[in-house]
Amino acid sequence: MIGLAPARPLAPGSGDLRRLAAAIRLHAVRMVAPHGFGYLGQALSAAEQYAAVYGAALRPGTDRVVCSPAHYVIAAYAAAARTGLLDEATLATYGQDGSALEAIGTERSPVPDYACGSLGQGLSAAAGFALADRLRGHPEVRTFAFLSDGELEEGQVWEAAMFAGHYRLGRLTVLLDANNSQVDGPVDTITTIEPVAARWRAFGWDAVELDGHDVDAVAAALAGGTDGADGTDGADGAGTAADHARPRILVCRTSTRHGLACLPPDADGHFIKLPADLAAAAEAELSAELCQP
């Protein structure tokens, strides 16, 4: 198991978060490139979400992170490396036999507190963390759970959502990557999950829909805490919480192609093929973006 280093805090300012999102994409390209294919699309769609959590909201050593769709762990590795929580040199071992940085995260993976190999289980763990912290007298602890929209086809997600709503777990925040992509094709051609926000509100959650590639909007929604059941603020971004607060979900509308113009039109967003020439073009594009003021 790789130990996590102390965090290297980012300087304040939205420009830093935008650069962090670009860096997450660049690291993901470098991790996938040696294999020629992999879970690059997940990092492209969720980069701003991970940038907002790891670059602005998360207090390492205090708060918890759950990565429910474990193949998204590539974004967590990249974010942790860029913010000083993980040695960047270890990213070169991603997906290799014997590496701690598995391509699909497990209980052995560094960075997130919990990663699920089987989709749909993460929210249950996150709700358990949030309730346990309340019962242990640690109301300052926040739990951030990353979910994917395809997971909403799993019944366990809704059981956990009902549980969290019932217990008013106001220190629990879900970031839902609504990229309309899963292994079988577009989510909306497999199962109707809309209206997403309305369904979560029906389970007692505060639901916010936003552009998932607007890192300022994601960071602001995370800093705003959750709304109480009476419409007042039940928790602020600094860590004070009231037991009556509702859990919050950020429905982040995204694309598995965002931030990488060089991808061909027919690229499979779920499992992108990345031959050497395309990898070189992607690295050049993202490196140039990072050099911009």
C-alpha atoms as a PDB file:
ATOM      1  CA  MET A   1       0.000   0.000   0.000  1.00  0.00           C
ATOM      2  CA  ILE A   2       1.313   3.427  -0.942  1.00  0.00           C
ATOM      3  CA  GLY A   3       1.139   5.939   1.869  1.00  0.00           C
ATOM      4  CA  LEU A   4      -0.382   9.334   1.159  1.00  0.00           C
ATOM      5  CA  ALA A   5       1.841  12.377   1.446  1.00  0.00           C
ATOM      6  CA  PRO A   6       0.744  15.613   3.097  1.00  0.00           C
ATOM      7  CA  ALA A   7      -1.305  17.769   0.783  1.00  0.00           C
ATOM      8  CA  ARG A   8       0.310  20.545  -1.214  1.00  0.00           C
ATOM      9  CA  PRO A   9      -2.399  23.210  -1.048  1.00  0.00           C
ATOM     10  CA  LEU A  10      -3.264  25.121  -4.183  1.00  0.00           C
ATOM     11  CA  ALA A  11      -3.102  28.870  -4.269  1.00  0.00           C
ATOM     12  CA  PRO A  12      -6.586  30.408  -4.145  1.00  0.00           C
ATOM     13  CA  GLY A  13      -8.243  31.243  -7.429  1.00  0.00           C
ATOM     14  CA  SER A  14     -10.370  29.512 -10.015  1.00  0.00           C
ATOM     15  CA  GLY A  15      -7.466  29.524 -12.485  1.00  0.00           C
ATOM     16  CA  ASP A  16      -5.686  27.000 -10.281  1.00  0.00           C
ATOM     17  CA  LEU A  17      -8.700  24.697 -10.340  1.00  0.00           C
ATOM     18  CA  ARG A  18      -8.927  24.934 -14.130  1.00  0.00           C
ATOM     19  CA  ARG A  19      -5.252  24.076 -14.422  1.00  0.00           C
ATOM     20  CA  LEU A  20      -5.754  21.205 -11.999  1.00  0.00           C
ATOM     21  CA  ALA A  21      -8.543  19.814 -14.208  1.00  0.00           C
ATOM     22  CA  ALA A  22      -6.261  20.062 -17.257  1.00  0.00           C
ATOM     23  CA  ALA A  23      -3.470  18.369 -15.303  1.00  0.00           C
ATOM     24  CA  ILE A  24      -5.810  15.522 -14.331  1.00  0.00           C
ATOM     25  CA  ARG A  25      -6.544  14.966 -18.016  1.00  0.00           C
ATOM     26  CA  LEU A  26      -2.848  15.103 -18.904  1.00  0.00           C
ATOM     27  CA  HIS A  27      -1.888  12.612 -16.199  1.00  0.00           C
ATOM     28  CA  ALA A  28      -4.709  10.326 -17.346  1.00  0.00           C
ATOM     29  CA  VAL A  29      -3.421  10.415 -20.921  1.00  0.00           C
ATOM     30  CA  ARG A  30       0.074   9.503 -19.700  1.00  0.00           C
ATOM     31  CA  MET A  31      -1.289   6.661 -17.563  1.00  0.00           C
ATOM     32  CA  VAL A  32      -3.368   5.172 -20.367  1.00  0.00           C
ATOM     33  CA  ALA A  33      -0.891   5.702 -23.216  1.00  0.00           C
ATOM     34  CA  PRO A  34       1.469   2.782 -22.416  1.00  0.00           C
ATOM     35  CA  HIS A  35      -1.476   0.380 -22.590  1.00  0.00           C
ATOM     36  CA  GLY A  36      -2.917   1.785 -25.812  1.00  0.00           C
ATOM     37  CA  PHE A  37      -6.449   1.946 -24.385  1.00  0.00           C
ATOM     38  CA  GLY A  38      -8.222   2.501 -21.108  1.00  0.00           C
ATOM     39  CA  TYR A  39     -10.498   4.579 -18.944  1.00  0.00           C
ATOM     40  CA  LEU A  40      -9.512   7.974 -20.290  1.00  0.00           C
ATOM     41  CA  GLY A  41     -13.073   9.103 -21.015  1.00  0.00           C
ATOM     42  CA  GLN A  42     -13.972   8.914 -17.336  1.00  0.00           C
ATOM     43  CA  ALA A  43     -11.126  11.302 -16.458  1.00  0.00           C
ATOM     44  CA  LEU A  44     -12.146  13.633 -19.291  1.00  0.00           C
ATOM     45  CA  SER A  45     -15.729  13.848 -18.070  1.00  0.00           C
ATOM     46  CA  ALA A  46     -15.007  14.029 -14.330  1.00  0.00           C
ATOM     47  CA  ALA A  47     -11.812  16.124 -14.227  1.00  0.00           C
ATOM     48  CA  GLU A  48     -13.524  19.267 -12.950  1.00  0.00           C
ATOM     49  CA  GLN A  49     -15.345  17.315 -10.244  1.00  0.00           C
ATOM     50  CA  TYR A  50     -12.113  15.798  -8.946  1.00  0.00           C
ATOM     51  CA  ALA A  51     -10.339  19.144  -9.263  1.00  0.00           C
ATOM     52  CA  ALA A  52     -13.023  20.865  -7.177  1.00  0.00           C
ATOM     53  CA  VAL A  53     -12.925  18.207  -4.461  1.00  0.00           C
ATOM     54  CA  TYR A  54      -9.158  17.640  -4.229  1.00  0.00           C
ATOM     55  CA  GLY A  55      -8.199  21.221  -5.020  1.00  0.00           C
ATOM     56  CA  ALA A  56     -10.725  23.117  -2.927  1.00  0.00           C
ATOM     57  CA  ALA A  57     -13.144  21.158  -0.720  1.00  0.00           C
ATOM     58  CA  LEU A  58     -11.294  18.140   0.676  1.00  0.00           C
ATOM     59  CA  ARG A  59      -9.434  18.348   3.970  1.00  0.00           C
ATOM     60  CA  PRO A  60      -7.009  15.400   3.817  1.00  0.00           C
ATOM     61  CA  GLY A  61      -6.928  13.419   7.021  1.00  0.00           C
ATOM     62  CA  THR A  62     -10.367  14.692   8.038  1.00  0.00           C
ATOM     63  CA  ASP A  63     -12.835  14.182   5.198  1.00  0.00           C
ATOM     64  CA  ARG A  64     -13.608  10.978   3.335  1.00  0.00           C
ATOM     65  CA  VAL A  65     -13.766  10.141  -0.367  1.00  0.00           C
ATOM     66  CA  VAL A  66     -15.654   7.256  -1.949  1.00  0.00           C
ATOM     67  CA  CYS A  67     -15.102   6.275  -5.581  1.00  0.00           C
ATOM     68  CA  SER A  68     -18.125   4.167  -6.446  1.00  0.00           C
ATOM     69  CA  PRO A  69     -17.360   3.503 -10.154  1.00  0.00           C
ATOM     70  CA  ALA A  70     -13.896   2.103  -9.491  1.00  0.00           C
ATOM     71  CA  HIS A  71     -12.611   2.639 -13.033  1.00  0.00           C
ATOM     72  CA  TYR A  72     -12.850   6.389 -12.293  1.00  0.00           C
ATOM     73  CA  VAL A  73      -9.996   5.950  -9.828  1.00  0.00           C
ATOM     74  CA  ILE A  74      -7.645   7.128 -12.586  1.00  0.00           C
ATOM     75  CA  ALA A  75      -8.928  10.655 -11.942  1.00  0.00           C
ATOM     76  CA  ALA A  76      -8.419  10.281  -8.190  1.00  0.00           C
ATOM     77  CA  TYR A  77      -4.815   9.150  -8.700  1.00  0.00           C
ATOM     78  CA  ALA A  78      -4.142  12.106 -10.978  1.00  0.00           C
ATOM     79  CA  ALA A  79      -5.750  14.638  -8.653  1.00  0.00           C
ATOM     80  CA  ALA A  80      -3.926  13.266  -5.615  1.00  0.00           C
ATOM     81  CA  ALA A  81      -0.589  13.365  -7.403  1.00  0.00           C
ATOM     82  CA  ARG A  82      -1.094  16.917  -8.585  1.00  0.00           C
ATOM     83  CA  THR A  83      -2.080  18.167  -5.129  1.00  0.00           C
ATOM     84  CA  GLY A  84       0.794  16.440  -3.345  1.00  0.00           C
ATOM     85  CA  LEU A  85      -1.095  13.542  -1.789  1.00  0.00           C
ATOM     86  CA  LEU A  86       0.597  10.945  -3.983  1.00  0.00           C
ATOM     87  CA  ASP A  87       4.073  10.743  -5.487  1.00  0.00           C
ATOM     88  CA  GLU A  88       3.669  11.635  -9.168  1.00  0.00           C
ATOM     89  CA  ALA A  89       6.327   9.059 -10.079  1.00  0.00           C
ATOM     90  CA  THR A  90       3.996   6.239  -9.024  1.00  0.00           C
ATOM     91  CA  LEU A  91       1.530   7.179 -11.777  1.00  0.00           C
ATOM     92  CA  ALA A  92       3.864   5.484 -14.259  1.00  0.00           C
ATOM     93  CA  THR A  93       2.964   2.142 -12.645  1.00  0.00           C
ATOM     94  CA  TYR A  94      -0.765   2.546 -13.295  1.00  0.00           C
ATOM     95  CA  GLY A  95      -2.394  -0.687 -14.444  1.00  0.00           C
ATOM     96  CA  GLN A  96       0.800  -2.738 -14.292  1.00  0.00           C
ATOM     97  CA  ASP A  97       0.975  -6.172 -12.682  1.00  0.00           C
ATOM     98  CA  GLY A  98       1.720  -5.821  -8.996  1.00  0.00           C
ATOM     99  CA  SER A  99       1.129  -2.076  -8.913  1.00  0.00           C
ATOM    100  CA  ALA A 100      -0.873  -0.510  -6.102  1.00  0.00           C
ATOM    101  CA  LEU A 101      -2.408   1.769  -8.736  1.00  0.00           C
ATOM    102  CA  GLU A 102      -4.876  -0.689 -10.198  1.00  0.00           C
ATOM    103  CA  ALA A 103      -6.833   0.346 -13.270  1.00  0.00           C
ATOM    104  CA  ILE A 104     -10.046  -0.604 -11.500  1.00  0.00           C
ATOM    105  CA  GLY A 105      -9.792   0.431  -7.879  1.00  0.00           C
ATOM    106  CA  THR A 106     -10.199  -2.012  -5.010  1.00  0.00           C
ATOM    107  CA  GLU A 107      -9.958  -1.955  -1.227  1.00  0.00           C
ATOM    108  CA  ARG A 108      -6.170  -1.993  -1.709  1.00  0.00           C
ATOM    109  CA  SER A 109      -6.051   1.169  -3.810  1.00  0.00           C
ATOM    110  CA  PRO A 110      -4.495   4.330  -2.384  1.00  0.00           C
ATOM    111  CA  VAL A 111      -6.169   7.761  -2.379  1.00  0.00           C
ATOM    112  CA  PRO A 112      -9.940   7.126  -1.956  1.00  0.00           C
ATOM    113  CA  ASP A 113     -11.124   5.769   1.376  1.00  0.00           C
ATOM    114  CA  TYR A 114     -13.345   3.302  -0.442  1.00  0.00           C
ATOM    115  CA  ALA A 115     -13.471   2.103  -4.047  1.00  0.00           C
ATOM    116  CA  CYS A 116     -15.978  -0.368  -5.423  1.00  0.00           C
ATOM    117  CA  GLY A 117     -15.175  -2.950  -8.055  1.00  0.00           C
ATOM    118  CA  SER A 118     -18.861  -3.750  -8.425  1.00  0.00           C
ATOM    119  CA  LEU A 119     -20.872  -0.754  -9.570  1.00  0.00           C
ATOM    120  CA  GLY A 120     -23.643   0.665  -7.411  1.00  0.00           C
ATOM    121  CA  GLN A 121     -22.153  -0.040  -3.981  1.00  0.00           C
ATOM    122  CA  GLY A 122     -20.340   3.194  -3.208  1.00  0.00           C
ATOM    123  CA  LEU A 123     -23.242   5.245  -1.908  1.00  0.00           C
ATOM    124  CA  SER A 124     -23.971   2.589   0.716  1.00  0.00           C
ATOM    125  CA  ALA A 125     -20.408   2.912   1.998  1.00  0.00           C
ATOM    126  CA  ALA A 126     -20.562   6.697   1.893  1.00  0.00           C
ATOM    127  CA  ALA A 127     -23.810   6.765   3.859  1.00  0.00           C
ATOM    128  CA  GLY A 128     -22.257   4.401   6.383  1.00  0.00           C
ATOM    129  CA  PHE A 129     -19.244   6.679   6.784  1.00  0.00           C
ATOM    130  CA  ALA A 130     -21.452   9.737   7.233  1.00  0.00           C
ATOM    131  CA  LEU A 131     -23.690   8.100   9.828  1.00  0.00           C
ATOM    132  CA  ALA A 132     -20.727   6.599  11.696  1.00  0.00           C
ATOM    133  CA  ASP A 133     -19.012   9.974  11.922  1.00  0.00           C
ATOM    134  CA  ARG A 134     -22.182  11.499  13.343  1.00  0.00           C
ATOM    135  CA  LEU A 135     -22.586   8.733  15.924  1.00  0.00           C
ATOM    136  CA  ARG A 136     -18.922   9.041  16.942  1.00  0.00           C
ATOM    137  CA  GLY A 137     -19.341  12.743  17.573  1.00  0.00           C
ATOM    138  CA  HIS A 138     -17.423  14.020  14.543  1.00  0.00           C
ATOM    139  CA  PRO A 139     -19.884  16.379  12.853  1.00  0.00           C
ATOM    140  CA  GLU A 140     -17.029  18.247  11.175  1.00  0.00           C
ATOM    141  CA  VAL A 141     -16.258  15.359   8.820  1.00  0.00           C
ATOM    142  CA  ARG A 142     -17.598  15.499   5.277  1.00  0.00           C
ATOM    143  CA  THR A 143     -17.964  12.534   2.957  1.00  0.00           C
ATOM    144  CA  PHE A 144     -17.656  13.045  -0.802  1.00  0.00           C
ATOM    145  CA  ALA A 145     -18.961  10.241  -2.991  1.00  0.00           C
ATOM    146  CA  PHE A 146     -18.280  10.075  -6.718  1.00  0.00           C
ATOM    147  CA  LEU A 147     -20.983   8.211  -8.658  1.00  0.00           C
ATOM    148  CA  SER A 148     -21.704   7.685 -12.342  1.00  0.00           C
ATOM    149  CA  ASP A 149     -25.096   8.040 -14.003  1.00  0.00           C
ATOM    150  CA  GLY A 150     -25.053   4.436 -15.227  1.00  0.00           C
ATOM    151  CA  GLU A 151     -25.023   3.332 -11.602  1.00  0.00           C
ATOM    152  CA  LEU A 152     -28.507   4.759 -11.187  1.00  0.00           C
ATOM    153  CA  GLU A 153     -29.708   1.579 -12.900  1.00  0.00           C
ATOM    154  CA  GLU A 154     -28.683  -0.298  -9.739  1.00  0.00           C
ATOM    155  CA  GLY A 155     -31.318  -0.727  -7.041  1.00  0.00           C
ATOM    156  CA  GLN A 156     -28.744  -0.552  -4.244  1.00  0.00           C
ATOM    157  CA  VAL A 157     -28.075   3.093  -5.118  1.00  0.00           C
ATOM    158  CA  TRP A 158     -31.697   3.992  -4.417  1.00  0.00           C
ATOM    159  CA  GLU A 159     -31.768   2.001  -1.190  1.00  0.00           C
ATOM    160  CA  ALA A 160     -28.752   3.973   0.004  1.00  0.00           C
ATOM    161  CA  ALA A 161     -30.291   7.243  -1.205  1.00  0.00           C
ATOM    162  CA  MET A 162     -33.455   6.499   0.765  1.00  0.00           C
ATOM    163  CA  PHE A 163     -31.377   5.646   3.847  1.00  0.00           C
ATOM    164  CA  ALA A 164     -29.304   8.843   3.634  1.00  0.00           C
ATOM    165  CA  GLY A 165     -32.395  10.963   3.112  1.00  0.00           C
ATOM    166  CA  HIS A 166     -34.164   9.369   6.065  1.00  0.00           C
ATOM    167  CA  TYR A 167     -31.228   9.963   8.413  1.00  0.00           C
ATOM    168  CA  ARG A 168     -30.649  13.474   7.062  1.00  0.00           C
ATOM    169  CA  LEU A 169     -26.965  12.889   6.462  1.00  0.00           C
ATOM    170  CA  GLY A 170     -26.140  16.500   5.744  1.00  0.00           C
ATOM    171  CA  ARG A 171     -22.385  15.933   5.658  1.00  0.00           C
ATOM    172  CA  LEU A 172     -22.725  13.620   2.653  1.00  0.00           C
ATOM    173  CA  THR A 173     -22.263  15.071  -0.832  1.00  0.00           C
ATOM    174  CA  VAL A 174     -22.556  13.049  -4.029  1.00  0.00           C
ATOM    175  CA  LEU A 175     -20.956  14.181  -7.272  1.00  0.00           C
ATOM    176  CA  LEU A 176     -22.835  12.399 -10.042  1.00  0.00           C
ATOM    177  CA  ASP A 177     -20.976  12.271 -13.340  1.00  0.00           C
ATOM    178  CA  ALA A 178     -23.904  12.464 -15.751  1.00  0.00           C
ATOM    179  CA  ASN A 179     -21.980  11.818 -18.963  1.00  0.00           C
ATOM    180  CA  ASN A 180     -24.652   9.585 -20.550  1.00  0.00           C
ATOM    181  CA  SER A 181     -22.076   6.857 -21.133  1.00  0.00           C
ATOM    182  CA  GLN A 182     -21.805   3.236 -20.087  1.00  0.00           C
ATOM    183  CA  VAL A 183     -20.243   0.117 -21.544  1.00  0.00           C
ATOM    184  CA  ASP A 184     -23.419  -0.861 -23.430  1.00  0.00           C
ATOM    185  CA  GLY A 185     -23.870   2.573 -25.000  1.00  0.00           C
ATOM    186  CA  PRO A 186     -25.575   5.856 -24.081  1.00  0.00           C
ATOM    187  CA  VAL A 187     -27.332   5.544 -20.732  1.00  0.00           C
ATOM    188  CA  ASP A 188     -30.571   7.009 -22.085  1.00  0.00           C
ATOM    189  CA  THR A 189     -30.799   4.184 -24.644  1.00  0.00           C
ATOM    190  CA  ILE A 190     -30.430   1.512 -21.949  1.00  0.00           C
ATOM    191  CA  THR A 191     -32.621   2.775 -19.097  1.00  0.00           C
ATOM    192  CA  THR A 192     -34.539   5.990 -18.510  1.00  0.00           C
ATOM    193  CA  ILE A 193     -33.046   7.660 -15.444  1.00  0.00           C
ATOM    194  CA  GLU A 194     -34.436  11.149 -15.975  1.00  0.00           C
ATOM    195  CA  PRO A 195     -35.501  13.362 -14.354  1.00  0.00           C
ATOM    196  CA  VAL A 196     -32.442  12.720 -12.203  1.00  0.00           C
ATOM    197  CA  ALA A 197     -32.616  15.709  -9.854  1.00  0.00           C
ATOM    198  CA  ALA A 198     -36.336  15.331  -9.213  1.00  0.00           C
ATOM    199  CA  ARG A 199     -35.907  11.681  -8.285  1.00  0.00           C
ATOM    200  CA  TRP A 200     -33.226  12.474  -5.730  1.00  0.00           C
ATOM    201  CA  ARG A 201     -35.316  15.283  -4.266  1.00  0.00           C
ATOM    202  CA  ALA A 202     -38.139  12.785  -3.830  1.00  0.00           C
ATOM    203  CA  PHE A 203     -35.761  10.746  -1.654  1.00  0.00           C
ATOM    204  CA  GLY A 204     -35.102  13.730   0.613  1.00  0.00           C
ATOM    205  CA  TRP A 205     -31.975  15.099  -1.024  1.00  0.00           C
ATOM    206  CA  ASP A 206     -30.986  18.596  -2.011  1.00  0.00           C
ATOM    207  CA  ALA A 207     -30.247  18.240  -5.743  1.00  0.00           C
ATOM    208  CA  VAL A 208     -28.369  20.753  -7.879  1.00  0.00           C
ATOM    209  CA  GLU A 209     -27.953  20.420 -11.645  1.00  0.00           C
ATOM    210  CA  LEU A 210     -24.985  22.168 -13.177  1.00  0.00           C
ATOM    211  CA  ASP A 211     -22.446  22.153 -15.980  1.00  0.00           C
ATOM    212  CA  GLY A 212     -19.949  19.592 -14.741  1.00  0.00           C
ATOM    213  CA  HIS A 213     -17.176  21.207 -16.767  1.00  0.00           C
ATOM    214  CA  ASP A 214     -17.601  24.556 -15.003  1.00  0.00           C
ATOM    215  CA  VAL A 215     -15.106  23.991 -12.211  1.00  0.00           C
ATOM    216  CA  ASP A 216     -16.057  27.263 -10.489  1.00  0.00           C
ATOM    217  CA  ALA A 217     -19.696  26.190 -10.335  1.00  0.00           C
ATOM    218  CA  VAL A 218     -18.774  22.755  -8.958  1.00  0.00           C
ATOM    219  CA  ALA A 219     -16.479  24.261  -6.325  1.00  0.00           C
ATOM    220  CA  ALA A 220     -19.133  26.803  -5.336  1.00  0.00           C
ATOM    221  CA  ALA A 221     -21.754  24.082  -4.960  1.00  0.00           C
ATOM    222  CA  LEU A 222     -19.378  22.091  -2.749  1.00  0.00           C
ATOM    223  CA  ALA A 223     -18.593  25.136  -0.601  1.00  0.00           C
ATOM    224  CA  GLY A 224     -22.281  25.888  -0.173  1.00  0.00           C
ATOM    225  CA  GLY A 225     -22.917  22.803   1.922  1.00  0.00           C
ATOM    226  CA  THR A 226     -26.462  21.454   1.989  1.00  0.00           C
ATOM    227  CA  ASP A 227     -29.850  23.025   2.427  1.00  0.00           C
ATOM    228  CA  GLY A 228     -31.898  22.163   5.469  1.00  0.00           C
ATOM    229  CA  ALA A 229     -35.309  20.583   5.050  1.00  0.00           C
ATOM    230  CA  ASP A 230     -36.890  23.955   5.832  1.00  0.00           C
ATOM    231  CA  GLY A 231     -34.968  25.667   3.024  1.00  0.00           C
ATOM    232  CA  THR A 232     -32.335  27.226   5.275  1.00  0.00           C
ATOM    233  CA  ASP A 233     -28.653  26.383   5.194  1.00  0.00           C
ATOM    234  CA  GLY A 234     -28.147  23.224   7.220  1.00  0.00           C
ATOM    235  CA  ALA A 235     -24.376  23.100   6.811  1.00  0.00           C
ATOM    236  CA  ASP A 236     -21.703  25.437   5.599  1.00  0.00           C
ATOM    237  CA  GLY A 237     -18.564  24.621   3.646  1.00  0.00           C
ATOM    238  CA  ALA A 238     -16.295  25.010   6.668  1.00  0.00           C
ATOM    239  CA  GLY A 239     -17.433  21.891   8.451  1.00  0.00           C
ATOM    240  CA  THR A 240     -20.234  22.807  10.855  1.00  0.00           C
ATOM    241  CA  ALA A 241     -23.310  20.654  10.378  1.00  0.00           C
ATOM    242  CA  ALA A 242     -26.766  20.327  11.786  1.00  0.00           C
ATOM    243  CA  ASP A 243     -28.361  16.913  12.042  1.00  0.00           C
ATOM    244  CA  HIS A 244     -31.477  18.176  10.286  1.00  0.00           C
ATOM    245  CA  ALA A 245     -29.561  19.014   7.081  1.00  0.00           C
ATOM    246  CA  ARG A 246     -30.220  17.074   3.927  1.00  0.00           C
ATOM    247  CA  PRO A 247     -27.602  15.214   1.899  1.00  0.00           C
ATOM    248  CA  ARG A 248     -26.723  16.927  -1.362  1.00  0.00           C
ATOM    249  CA  ILE A 249     -26.179  15.625  -4.873  1.00  0.00           C
ATOM    250  CA  LEU A 250     -24.519  17.607  -7.637  1.00  0.00           C
ATOM    251  CA  VAL A 251     -25.826  16.359 -10.990  1.00  0.00           C
ATOM    252  CA  CYS A 252     -22.848  17.246 -13.152  1.00  0.00           C
ATOM    253  CA  ARG A 253     -23.695  17.205 -16.871  1.00  0.00           C
ATOM    254  CA  THR A 254     -20.530  16.220 -18.712  1.00  0.00           C
ATOM    255  CA  SER A 255     -19.013  14.652 -21.826  1.00  0.00           C
ATOM    256  CA  THR A 256     -16.424  11.876 -22.152  1.00  0.00           C
ATOM    257  CA  ARG A 257     -14.721  13.902 -24.897  1.00  0.00           C
ATOM    258  CA  HIS A 258     -14.434  17.218 -23.077  1.00  0.00           C
ATOM    259  CA  GLY A 259     -11.047  18.918 -23.002  1.00  0.00           C
ATOM    260  CA  LEU A 260      -9.416  16.863 -25.748  1.00  0.00           C
ATOM    261  CA  ALA A 261     -10.178  18.157 -29.224  1.00  0.00           C
ATOM    262  CA  CYS A 262      -7.828  15.703 -30.934  1.00  0.00           C
ATOM    263  CA  LEU A 263     -10.046  12.699 -30.193  1.00  0.00           C
ATOM    264  CA  PRO A 264     -11.632  11.218 -33.337  1.00  0.00           C
ATOM    265  CA  PRO A 265     -15.417  11.584 -33.688  1.00  0.00           C
ATOM    266  CA  ASP A 266     -15.976   7.841 -33.249  1.00  0.00           C
ATOM    267  CA  ALA A 267     -13.944   7.495 -30.035  1.00  0.00           C
ATOM    268  CA  ASP A 268     -15.626   5.138 -27.560  1.00  0.00           C
ATOM    269  CA  GLY A 269     -15.989   7.294 -24.471  1.00  0.00           C
ATOM    270  CA  HIS A 270     -16.199   4.366 -22.091  1.00  0.00           C
ATOM    271  CA  PHE A 271     -12.924   2.721 -23.156  1.00  0.00           C
ATOM    272  CA  ILE A 272     -10.871   4.977 -25.397  1.00  0.00           C
ATOM    273  CA  LYS A 273      -8.269   3.536 -27.762  1.00  0.00           C
ATOM    274  CA  LEU A 274      -5.106   5.619 -27.569  1.00  0.00           C
ATOM    275  CA  PRO A 275      -2.461   4.623 -30.141  1.00  0.00           C
ATOM    276  CA  ALA A 276       0.937   6.288 -29.941  1.00  0.00           C
ATOM    277  CA  ASP A 277       0.209   9.075 -32.439  1.00  0.00           C
ATOM    278  CA  LEU A 278      -3.047  10.028 -30.744  1.00  0.00           C
ATOM    279  CA  ALA A 279      -1.411   9.862 -27.314  1.00  0.00           C
ATOM    280  CA  ALA A 280       1.305  12.243 -28.494  1.00  0.00           C
ATOM    281  CA  ALA A 281      -1.284  14.657 -29.900  1.00  0.00           C
ATOM    282  CA  ALA A 282      -3.303  14.514 -26.674  1.00  0.00           C
ATOM    283  CA  GLU A 283      -0.236  15.168 -24.527  1.00  0.00           C
ATOM    284  CA  ALA A 284       0.786  18.117 -26.699  1.00  0.00           C
ATOM    285  CA  GLU A 285      -2.716  19.613 -26.571  1.00  0.00           C
ATOM    286  CA  LEU A 286      -3.038  19.349 -22.807  1.00  0.00           C
ATOM    287  CA  SER A 287       0.544  20.459 -22.141  1.00  0.00           C
ATOM    288  CA  ALA A 288      -0.123  23.594 -24.208  1.00  0.00           C
ATOM    289  CA  GLU A 289      -3.277  24.265 -22.201  1.00  0.00           C
ATOM    290  CA  LEU A 290      -1.320  24.034 -18.944  1.00  0.00           C
ATOM    291  CA  CYS A 291       1.171  26.585 -20.256  1.00  0.00           C
ATOM    292  CA  GLN A 292      -1.549  29.159 -20.817  1.00  0.00           C
ATOM    293  CA  PRO A 293      -1.822  31.931 -18.175  1.00  0.00           C
END
